[in-house]
Amino acid sequence: MNTYTIWTSITGYKDMENLVYLFSCFLSCTVIVSLMSQFWNDRYEKTFENPVIYKIVTVAAIAVLTLVNLINSVVWNGIATVLVFGIISFSLYESDRKWRRVLESECFFWIIGLFDSISIWGIASLMNCFDVVPKNLLIRSSVEVVCSKPFLIFFYHILLRQFWKKDYRRSWLQYLFYFTMLEYGIGSTIVSVFMASRGTDYFLLCINLSCIVFVNIYLFYFMKMRDEKNELEFQIAMMKQQESMQFEHYERQREKYGRSIEVLHDVSKHLRSIEELYKAGMTDKAMEYTRQIGGILKPLVPEEYSDNPMLNILLADRKQAAESIGIRFVVRVESTGLGFIEPVDVTTLFGNLLENAMQAVLKCSGERCIKVHIRNYNEMLSIRIENSVEKEVRIKNGKPVSTGGRGTGIGCLNVERCVEKYGGSVLYKNGDGKFYSDVILNR
């Protein structure tokens, strides 16, 4: 007794070709719904916290679309998918604009549908080219529909997902794994085509088609988790870098506070000394003493560059640090109303850009200069930080490449995120032996 006899005796199906077609529709709908779910989870917030709701809806969507696919009508398939995906995106997910979310979902479905059709056409062409076309039309259609899915999954993870997950930083090993999975899909497709063309036991064909789909879904899902793990680790590194910069900044302020307390503790003694010098008629020495005390107090009092206290403290601190190592530091503020920049963002934005500028200037053998220019630009705020450079900074994809040449530093990525928070932009450029960081912020 072969598998066909066993299967028909259990299920009652005498027409195995229809059963294979049903199974292929189920596999195809499983992949499509899975990709749509990943798209929604990547792009939008979930309306409900209970994950069971989304699992039930996913299963229901697969069942409905599978049954509609059995009709084998392009019109009915299109209507069903538009309705199902539209209802899910409208009711189970949240974003600023509901109808825009629905439109994006429908457009995404038609994009993957187009690529799926191209993959099916490619498989059909290969079967015709090598003369391994299954005689039964249902079996041929089943093989084409299922074997196109590894290419669709690969297309989604490698290309499409990059448009809304730009922060993912994949290693070459991860890309190698993705292409290995694609090769597995190609190999499995070839096996399935030969099995179908030679009239192999349809039960074994179903098992092979299942392996093609579920192995790809599972392994690509595993790699998706790895990608997200890498992204979280990178975000943690960014937060640690920002936290470290905040700690260093406040540590310097604590040291200044300690020195202020020391000076204030002795201020009465200094005043008596100055008074005694004046009484003794030693006016010149009294004036010199006064200048010395002024020199001690000056670094402890931040210059009022703007109406943002944190910005004043940070600029004064960076100016003192720069001038102590022979760097000319010029600040020019031609704007008011800078209080809208939050303290943590002041440290992130100016702290990172000025730190990068100081590191670059220290490598210069000639002029060492940093200039900060803040001014109004229409209804926005324009910030330019200019610094001397020994040689031009390499810029790739609009971002400066770190010294090691391996990519953009975490500091610049922190700046980019900070600027995005205010709906602004940042531009880096070289010119005349200088490097410019131009930032625009919306108030």
Protein backbone atom coordinates (compact mmCIF):
# COMPACT_ATOMS: atom_id res chain seq x y z
CA MET A 1 0.00 0.00 0.00
CA ASN A 2 1.58 3.31 -1.09
CA THR A 3 1.16 6.79 0.46
CA TYR A 4 -1.50 7.72 -2.09
CA THR A 5 -3.74 4.78 -0.98
CA ILE A 6 -3.18 5.56 2.70
CA TRP A 7 -3.88 9.27 2.22
CA THR A 8 -7.09 8.77 0.22
CA SER A 9 -8.37 6.19 2.72
CA ILE A 10 -7.87 8.68 5.60
CA THR A 11 -9.06 11.90 3.95
CA GLY A 12 -11.61 10.53 1.51
CA TYR A 13 -10.08 12.56 -1.36
CA LYS A 14 -9.88 10.54 -4.57
CA ASP A 15 -8.55 13.38 -6.71
CA MET A 16 -5.04 13.90 -5.35
CA GLU A 17 -4.27 16.71 -7.81
CA ASN A 18 -6.97 18.92 -6.26
CA LEU A 19 -5.65 18.18 -2.81
CA VAL A 20 -2.11 19.20 -3.86
CA TYR A 21 -3.53 22.40 -5.32
CA LEU A 22 -5.42 23.11 -2.07
CA PHE A 23 -2.22 22.52 -0.12
CA SER A 24 -0.23 24.83 -2.41
CA CYS A 25 -2.85 27.59 -1.98
CA PHE A 26 -2.55 27.20 1.78
CA LEU A 27 1.26 27.46 1.64
CA SER A 28 1.13 30.47 -0.66
CA CYS A 29 -1.39 32.33 1.53
CA THR A 30 0.65 31.51 4.64
CA VAL A 31 3.70 33.22 3.14
CA ILE A 32 1.74 36.26 1.89
CA VAL A 33 -0.05 36.80 5.22
CA SER A 34 3.24 36.31 7.13
CA LEU A 35 4.98 38.97 5.04
CA MET A 36 2.04 41.36 5.46
CA SER A 37 2.15 40.81 9.24
CA GLN A 38 5.88 41.56 9.31
CA PHE A 39 5.24 44.71 7.28
CA TRP A 40 2.56 45.92 9.70
CA ASN A 41 4.65 45.11 12.77
CA ASP A 42 7.64 46.96 11.30
CA ARG A 43 5.70 50.04 10.23
CA TYR A 44 2.93 50.56 12.78
CA GLU A 45 1.94 50.23 16.41
CA LYS A 46 -0.49 47.49 17.43
CA THR A 47 -3.92 48.62 18.61
CA PHE A 48 -4.32 45.75 21.09
CA GLU A 49 -1.78 44.37 23.55
CA ASN A 50 -3.10 40.80 23.56
CA PRO A 51 -1.00 38.79 21.03
CA VAL A 52 -3.69 36.06 20.83
CA ILE A 53 -5.92 38.44 18.86
CA TYR A 54 -3.29 38.82 16.14
CA LYS A 55 -2.63 35.07 15.99
CA ILE A 56 -6.35 34.33 15.56
CA VAL A 57 -6.69 37.02 12.87
CA THR A 58 -3.62 35.65 11.05
CA VAL A 59 -5.03 32.12 11.00
CA ALA A 60 -8.44 33.40 9.89
CA ALA A 61 -6.88 35.49 7.09
CA ILE A 62 -4.92 32.46 5.81
CA ALA A 63 -8.07 30.30 5.86
CA VAL A 64 -10.23 32.87 4.05
CA LEU A 65 -7.65 33.63 1.37
CA THR A 66 -6.94 29.92 0.83
CA LEU A 67 -10.62 29.21 0.19
CA VAL A 68 -10.91 32.18 -2.18
CA ASN A 69 -7.76 31.05 -4.03
CA LEU A 70 -9.45 27.71 -4.77
CA ILE A 71 -11.91 29.55 -7.01
CA ASN A 72 -8.89 30.31 -9.22
CA SER A 73 -10.20 33.73 -10.17
CA VAL A 74 -7.89 36.74 -10.38
CA VAL A 75 -10.79 39.13 -9.74
CA TRP A 76 -12.03 37.34 -6.63
CA ASN A 77 -8.48 36.93 -5.32
CA GLY A 78 -7.87 40.66 -5.73
CA ILE A 79 -11.14 41.65 -4.04
CA ALA A 80 -10.59 39.26 -1.12
CA THR A 81 -7.00 40.34 -0.43
CA VAL A 82 -7.86 44.05 -0.67
CA LEU A 83 -10.73 43.61 1.80
CA VAL A 84 -8.90 41.33 4.25
CA PHE A 85 -5.67 43.35 4.38
CA GLY A 86 -7.55 46.65 4.41
CA ILE A 87 -9.71 45.60 7.37
CA ILE A 88 -6.72 44.25 9.33
CA SER A 89 -4.54 47.32 8.76
CA PHE A 90 -7.44 49.67 9.56
CA SER A 91 -8.64 48.02 12.77
CA LEU A 92 -5.62 46.26 14.33
CA TYR A 93 -2.85 48.83 13.81
CA GLU A 94 -2.33 52.50 14.56
CA SER A 95 -0.54 55.40 12.87
CA ASP A 96 -1.08 59.12 12.29
CA ARG A 97 -3.37 58.58 9.29
CA LYS A 98 -5.59 55.52 9.09
CA TRP A 99 -6.47 55.75 5.42
CA ARG A 100 -2.84 56.32 4.50
CA ARG A 101 -1.96 53.18 6.45
CA VAL A 102 -4.57 51.20 4.51
CA LEU A 103 -3.28 52.59 1.21
CA GLU A 104 0.31 51.71 2.12
CA SER A 105 -0.77 48.17 3.01
CA GLU A 106 -2.59 47.68 -0.28
CA CYS A 107 0.35 49.10 -2.26
CA PHE A 108 2.76 46.81 -0.43
CA PHE A 109 0.60 43.79 -1.26
CA TRP A 110 0.54 44.70 -4.96
CA ILE A 111 4.32 45.16 -4.91
CA ILE A 112 4.97 41.70 -3.50
CA GLY A 113 2.25 40.33 -5.79
CA LEU A 114 4.07 41.80 -8.79
CA PHE A 115 7.39 40.28 -7.71
CA ASP A 116 5.63 36.96 -7.02
CA SER A 117 4.22 36.98 -10.55
CA ILE A 118 7.69 37.65 -11.97
CA SER A 119 9.07 34.71 -9.94
CA ILE A 120 6.27 32.41 -11.16
CA TRP A 121 6.95 33.47 -14.75
CA GLY A 122 10.67 32.75 -14.25
CA ILE A 123 9.99 29.26 -12.89
CA ALA A 124 7.56 28.51 -15.74
CA SER A 125 10.14 29.67 -18.27
CA LEU A 126 12.82 27.43 -16.76
CA MET A 127 10.47 24.42 -16.84
CA ASN A 128 9.74 25.08 -20.51
CA CYS A 129 13.43 25.62 -21.27
CA PHE A 130 14.51 22.30 -19.73
CA ASP A 131 11.37 20.48 -20.87
CA VAL A 132 10.35 19.38 -17.37
CA VAL A 133 6.79 20.72 -17.46
CA PRO A 134 4.31 18.66 -15.38
CA LYS A 135 1.54 17.29 -17.58
CA ASN A 136 -1.18 18.04 -15.05
CA LEU A 137 -2.06 21.75 -15.06
CA LEU A 138 -3.06 21.78 -11.37
CA ILE A 139 0.25 20.22 -10.35
CA ARG A 140 2.15 22.64 -12.55
CA SER A 141 0.29 25.60 -11.04
CA SER A 142 0.90 24.23 -7.52
CA VAL A 143 4.65 23.92 -8.06
CA GLU A 144 4.92 27.40 -9.61
CA VAL A 145 2.93 29.07 -6.83
CA VAL A 146 4.87 27.45 -3.97
CA CYS A 147 8.37 27.52 -5.51
CA SER A 148 8.13 31.26 -6.13
CA LYS A 149 7.82 31.95 -2.39
CA PRO A 150 11.53 31.52 -1.39
CA PHE A 151 12.38 34.24 -3.92
CA LEU A 152 9.59 36.43 -2.52
CA ILE A 153 10.80 35.98 1.07
CA PHE A 154 14.37 36.76 0.00
CA PHE A 155 13.19 39.86 -1.89
CA TYR A 156 11.30 41.13 1.17
CA HIS A 157 14.12 40.71 3.70
CA ILE A 158 17.01 41.85 1.52
CA LEU A 159 15.46 44.71 -0.43
CA LEU A 160 11.97 45.85 0.61
CA ARG A 161 12.52 45.87 4.37
CA GLN A 162 15.46 48.25 3.98
CA PHE A 163 13.10 51.08 3.00
CA TRP A 164 11.54 51.29 6.49
CA LYS A 165 14.29 49.60 8.54
CA LYS A 166 17.27 51.67 7.44
CA ASP A 167 19.05 51.42 10.77
CA TYR A 168 19.73 47.71 10.46
CA ARG A 169 23.45 47.02 10.36
CA ARG A 170 24.02 43.58 8.87
CA SER A 171 27.39 41.86 8.68
CA TRP A 172 28.68 40.06 5.57
CA LEU A 173 28.02 36.75 7.36
CA GLN A 174 24.33 37.60 7.60
CA TYR A 175 24.16 38.43 3.91
CA LEU A 176 25.98 35.16 3.17
CA PHE A 177 23.33 33.31 5.18
CA TYR A 178 20.52 35.03 3.24
CA PHE A 179 22.05 34.02 -0.10
CA THR A 180 22.60 30.47 1.21
CA MET A 181 18.88 30.31 1.99
CA LEU A 182 18.14 31.52 -1.54
CA GLU A 183 20.33 28.75 -2.93
CA TYR A 184 18.41 26.26 -0.80
CA GLY A 185 15.17 27.59 -2.29
CA ILE A 186 16.54 27.24 -5.82
CA GLY A 187 17.70 23.68 -5.12
CA SER A 188 14.36 22.71 -3.59
CA THR A 189 12.56 24.23 -6.56
CA ILE A 190 14.58 22.12 -8.99
CA VAL A 191 13.80 18.97 -6.97
CA SER A 192 10.07 19.82 -6.87
CA VAL A 193 9.94 20.45 -10.61
CA PHE A 194 11.55 17.10 -11.42
CA MET A 195 9.30 15.31 -8.93
CA ALA A 196 6.19 16.88 -10.48
CA SER A 197 7.28 16.28 -14.09
CA ARG A 198 8.00 12.59 -13.46
CA GLY A 199 4.71 11.91 -11.69
CA THR A 200 6.27 11.27 -8.30
CA ASP A 201 4.03 10.36 -5.37
CA TYR A 202 2.04 13.53 -4.69
CA PHE A 203 2.24 13.01 -0.95
CA LEU A 204 6.04 13.27 -1.14
CA LEU A 205 5.65 16.31 -3.38
CA CYS A 206 3.52 18.01 -0.70
CA ILE A 207 6.17 17.24 1.91
CA ASN A 208 8.87 18.80 -0.29
CA LEU A 209 6.74 21.88 -0.97
CA SER A 210 6.14 22.24 2.78
CA CYS A 211 9.89 22.11 3.43
CA ILE A 212 10.49 24.80 0.82
CA VAL A 213 8.06 27.20 2.50
CA PHE A 214 8.37 26.50 6.23
CA VAL A 215 12.16 26.09 6.29
CA ASN A 216 12.51 29.44 4.52
CA ILE A 217 9.95 31.13 6.78
CA TYR A 218 11.57 29.75 9.93
CA LEU A 219 15.18 30.51 8.97
CA PHE A 220 14.41 33.96 7.58
CA TYR A 221 12.40 34.66 10.74
CA PHE A 222 15.41 33.53 12.76
CA MET A 223 17.61 35.93 10.80
CA LYS A 224 15.04 38.68 11.32
CA MET A 225 15.36 38.12 15.05
CA ARG A 226 19.15 38.28 14.69
CA ASP A 227 18.83 41.55 12.79
CA GLU A 228 16.61 43.00 15.50
CA LYS A 229 19.01 41.76 18.19
CA ASN A 230 21.89 43.48 16.41
CA GLU A 231 19.81 46.63 16.08
CA LEU A 232 18.96 46.62 19.80
CA GLU A 233 22.62 46.08 20.68
CA PHE A 234 23.55 48.99 18.45
CA GLN A 235 20.90 51.20 20.04
CA ILE A 236 22.21 50.23 23.47
CA ALA A 237 25.72 51.20 22.33
CA MET A 238 24.34 54.57 21.16
CA MET A 239 22.60 55.14 24.48
CA LYS A 240 25.73 54.18 26.40
CA GLN A 241 27.78 56.60 24.33
CA GLN A 242 25.25 59.35 25.01
CA GLU A 243 25.10 58.43 28.69
CA SER A 244 28.90 58.51 28.88
CA MET A 245 28.98 61.96 27.33
CA GLN A 246 26.32 63.19 29.76
CA PHE A 247 28.25 61.74 32.71
CA GLU A 248 31.52 63.34 31.59
CA HIS A 249 29.78 66.67 31.14
CA TYR A 250 28.17 66.63 34.57
CA GLU A 251 31.42 65.38 36.12
CA ARG A 252 33.18 68.45 34.76
CA GLN A 253 30.40 70.64 36.16
CA ARG A 254 30.82 68.94 39.54
CA GLU A 255 34.52 69.73 39.49
CA LYS A 256 33.73 73.36 38.64
CA TYR A 257 31.25 73.46 41.51
CA GLY A 258 33.92 72.13 43.86
CA ARG A 259 36.37 74.80 42.74
CA SER A 260 33.67 77.45 43.16
CA ILE A 261 33.06 76.32 46.75
CA GLU A 262 36.80 76.49 47.45
CA VAL A 263 37.03 80.04 46.08
CA LEU A 264 33.91 81.16 47.94
CA HIS A 265 35.27 79.64 51.12
CA ASP A 266 38.35 81.88 50.87
CA VAL A 267 36.64 84.94 49.39
CA SER A 268 36.55 86.77 52.73
CA LYS A 269 40.29 86.24 53.14
CA HIS A 270 40.93 87.55 49.61
CA LEU A 271 38.79 90.64 50.27
CA ARG A 272 40.66 91.39 53.50
CA SER A 273 43.99 91.00 51.71
CA ILE A 274 42.90 93.43 48.97
CA GLU A 275 41.61 95.85 51.61
CA GLU A 276 44.94 95.73 53.52
CA LEU A 277 46.88 96.40 50.30
CA TYR A 278 44.75 99.48 49.61
CA LYS A 279 45.19 100.74 53.18
CA ALA A 280 48.94 100.33 52.87
CA GLY A 281 48.85 102.44 49.69
CA MET A 282 49.92 99.48 47.52
CA THR A 283 47.31 100.17 44.83
CA ASP A 284 49.18 98.39 42.00
CA LYS A 285 49.51 95.18 43.98
CA ALA A 286 45.84 95.44 45.03
CA MET A 287 44.80 95.76 41.37
CA GLU A 288 47.01 92.80 40.37
CA TYR A 289 45.50 90.74 43.19
CA THR A 290 42.02 91.69 41.95
CA ARG A 291 42.88 90.59 38.40
CA GLN A 292 44.17 87.25 39.72
CA ILE A 293 40.94 86.65 41.65
CA GLY A 294 38.97 87.60 38.51
CA GLY A 295 41.00 85.08 36.51
CA ILE A 296 40.12 82.37 39.04
CA LEU A 297 36.40 83.21 39.02
CA LYS A 298 36.00 83.75 35.25
CA PRO A 299 36.06 80.05 34.21
CA LEU A 300 33.46 79.29 36.88
CA VAL A 301 30.88 81.68 35.44
CA PRO A 302 29.49 80.59 32.02
CA GLU A 303 29.24 83.28 29.39
CA GLU A 304 25.70 84.19 28.41
CA TYR A 305 25.72 83.16 24.77
CA SER A 306 21.99 82.50 24.60
CA ASP A 307 18.80 82.07 26.62
CA ASN A 308 19.46 78.31 26.93
CA PRO A 309 21.40 77.72 30.20
CA MET A 310 22.59 74.25 29.24
CA LEU A 311 23.89 75.51 25.90
CA ASN A 312 25.77 78.33 27.67
CA ILE A 313 27.38 75.88 30.09
CA LEU A 314 28.36 73.43 27.35
CA LEU A 315 29.82 76.09 25.01
CA ALA A 316 31.78 77.68 27.87
CA ASP A 317 33.07 74.27 28.91
CA ARG A 318 34.14 73.32 25.37
CA LYS A 319 35.75 76.72 24.82
CA GLN A 320 37.81 76.40 27.98
CA ALA A 321 38.85 72.84 27.07
CA ALA A 322 39.79 73.89 23.51
CA GLU A 323 41.78 76.96 24.50
CA SER A 324 43.68 74.96 27.13
CA ILE A 325 45.19 72.83 24.31
CA GLY A 326 45.85 75.68 21.89
CA ILE A 327 42.66 75.61 19.81
CA ARG A 328 41.02 78.93 18.94
CA PHE A 329 37.32 78.65 19.78
CA VAL A 330 34.89 81.24 18.39
CA VAL A 331 31.19 81.38 19.29
CA ARG A 332 28.74 83.63 17.46
CA VAL A 333 25.06 83.50 18.41
CA GLU A 334 22.67 85.68 16.41
CA SER A 335 19.45 84.10 17.59
CA THR A 336 17.11 84.19 20.55
CA GLY A 337 14.55 81.67 21.70
CA LEU A 338 16.89 78.67 21.96
CA GLY A 339 15.13 77.35 25.05
CA PHE A 340 13.09 74.91 22.92
CA ILE A 341 16.15 72.61 22.68
CA GLU A 342 15.98 70.21 25.62
CA PRO A 343 19.09 69.87 27.85
CA VAL A 344 19.71 66.24 26.87
CA ASP A 345 19.52 67.21 23.18
CA VAL A 346 21.93 70.11 23.70
CA THR A 347 24.49 67.67 25.06
CA THR A 348 23.83 65.11 22.31
CA LEU A 349 23.89 67.57 19.42
CA PHE A 350 26.58 70.07 20.38
CA GLY A 351 28.56 67.64 22.53
CA ASN A 352 29.05 65.10 19.73
CA LEU A 353 29.71 67.63 16.96
CA LEU A 354 32.18 69.63 19.04
CA GLU A 355 33.92 66.48 20.26
CA ASN A 356 34.39 65.32 16.66
CA ALA A 357 35.60 68.81 15.71
CA MET A 358 38.20 68.87 18.50
CA GLN A 359 39.52 65.43 17.57
CA ALA A 360 39.94 66.56 13.95
CA VAL A 361 41.59 69.87 14.86
CA LEU A 362 44.13 68.15 17.13
CA LYS A 363 45.52 66.37 14.04
CA CYS A 364 46.15 69.68 12.23
CA SER A 365 49.74 70.87 11.93
CA GLY A 366 48.68 74.38 10.86
CA GLU A 367 45.77 76.52 12.01
CA ARG A 368 43.68 75.06 14.80
CA CYS A 369 40.28 76.68 14.96
CA ILE A 370 36.68 75.81 15.77
CA LYS A 371 33.81 78.19 15.03
CA VAL A 372 30.21 77.88 16.19
CA HIS A 373 27.64 80.04 14.41
CA ILE A 374 23.96 79.98 15.47
CA ARG A 375 21.39 82.14 13.69
CA ASN A 376 17.77 82.27 12.61
CA TYR A 377 16.90 80.86 9.21
CA ASN A 378 13.37 81.86 8.28
CA GLU A 379 11.26 80.11 10.94
CA MET A 380 14.03 77.64 11.73
CA LEU A 381 17.31 77.60 13.59
CA SER A 382 20.57 77.27 11.67
CA ILE A 383 23.64 75.84 13.42
CA ARG A 384 27.04 75.69 11.72
CA ILE A 385 30.11 74.15 13.36
CA GLU A 386 33.27 74.73 11.35
CA ASN A 387 36.66 73.25 12.16
CA SER A 388 40.10 73.00 10.59
CA VAL A 389 41.11 69.64 9.09
CA GLU A 390 44.46 68.23 8.03
CA LYS A 391 42.84 66.45 5.07
CA GLU A 392 39.32 66.20 3.71
CA VAL A 393 36.91 64.02 5.67
CA ARG A 394 35.51 61.14 3.66
CA ILE A 395 31.73 61.42 3.31
CA LYS A 396 29.64 58.41 2.29
CA ASN A 397 25.85 58.55 1.78
CA GLY A 398 25.85 62.06 3.23
CA LYS A 399 27.58 61.00 6.46
CA PRO A 400 31.22 61.32 7.56
CA VAL A 401 33.08 58.02 7.70
CA SER A 402 34.89 57.28 10.96
CA THR A 403 38.68 57.26 11.09
CA GLY A 404 38.84 53.48 10.75
CA GLY A 405 36.89 53.75 7.49
CA ARG A 406 34.31 51.16 8.60
CA GLY A 407 31.28 53.37 8.73
CA THR A 408 29.65 56.29 10.45
CA GLY A 409 30.50 56.73 14.12
CA ILE A 410 27.89 56.30 16.84
CA GLY A 411 28.22 59.98 17.74
CA CYS A 412 27.01 61.09 14.27
CA LEU A 413 24.11 58.65 14.44
CA ASN A 414 23.10 60.09 17.81
CA VAL A 415 23.21 63.56 16.23
CA GLU A 416 21.04 62.37 13.34
CA ARG A 417 18.42 60.96 15.68
CA CYS A 418 18.43 64.14 17.73
CA VAL A 419 17.95 66.29 14.61
CA GLU A 420 15.09 64.07 13.39
CA LYS A 421 13.35 64.66 16.73
CA TYR A 422 13.03 68.35 15.78
CA GLY A 423 12.07 67.61 12.18
CA GLY A 424 15.35 69.03 10.95
CA SER A 425 18.31 67.96 8.86
CA VAL A 426 22.10 67.76 9.07
CA LEU A 427 24.58 68.25 6.21
CA TYR A 428 28.31 67.54 6.27
CA LYS A 429 30.74 68.97 3.72
CA ASN A 430 34.39 69.86 3.08
CA GLY A 431 35.78 73.12 1.75
CA ASP A 432 38.96 75.25 1.85
CA GLY A 433 40.70 73.16 4.48
CA LYS A 434 37.62 73.20 6.70
CA PHE A 435 34.92 70.71 7.63
CA TYR A 436 31.38 71.99 8.07
CA SER A 437 28.51 70.50 10.04
CA ASP A 438 25.31 72.37 9.11
CA VAL A 439 22.22 71.64 11.18
CA ILE A 440 18.70 72.96 10.67
CA LEU A 441 16.14 72.58 13.49
CA ASN A 442 12.42 73.39 13.43
CA ARG A 443 11.28 75.35 16.43
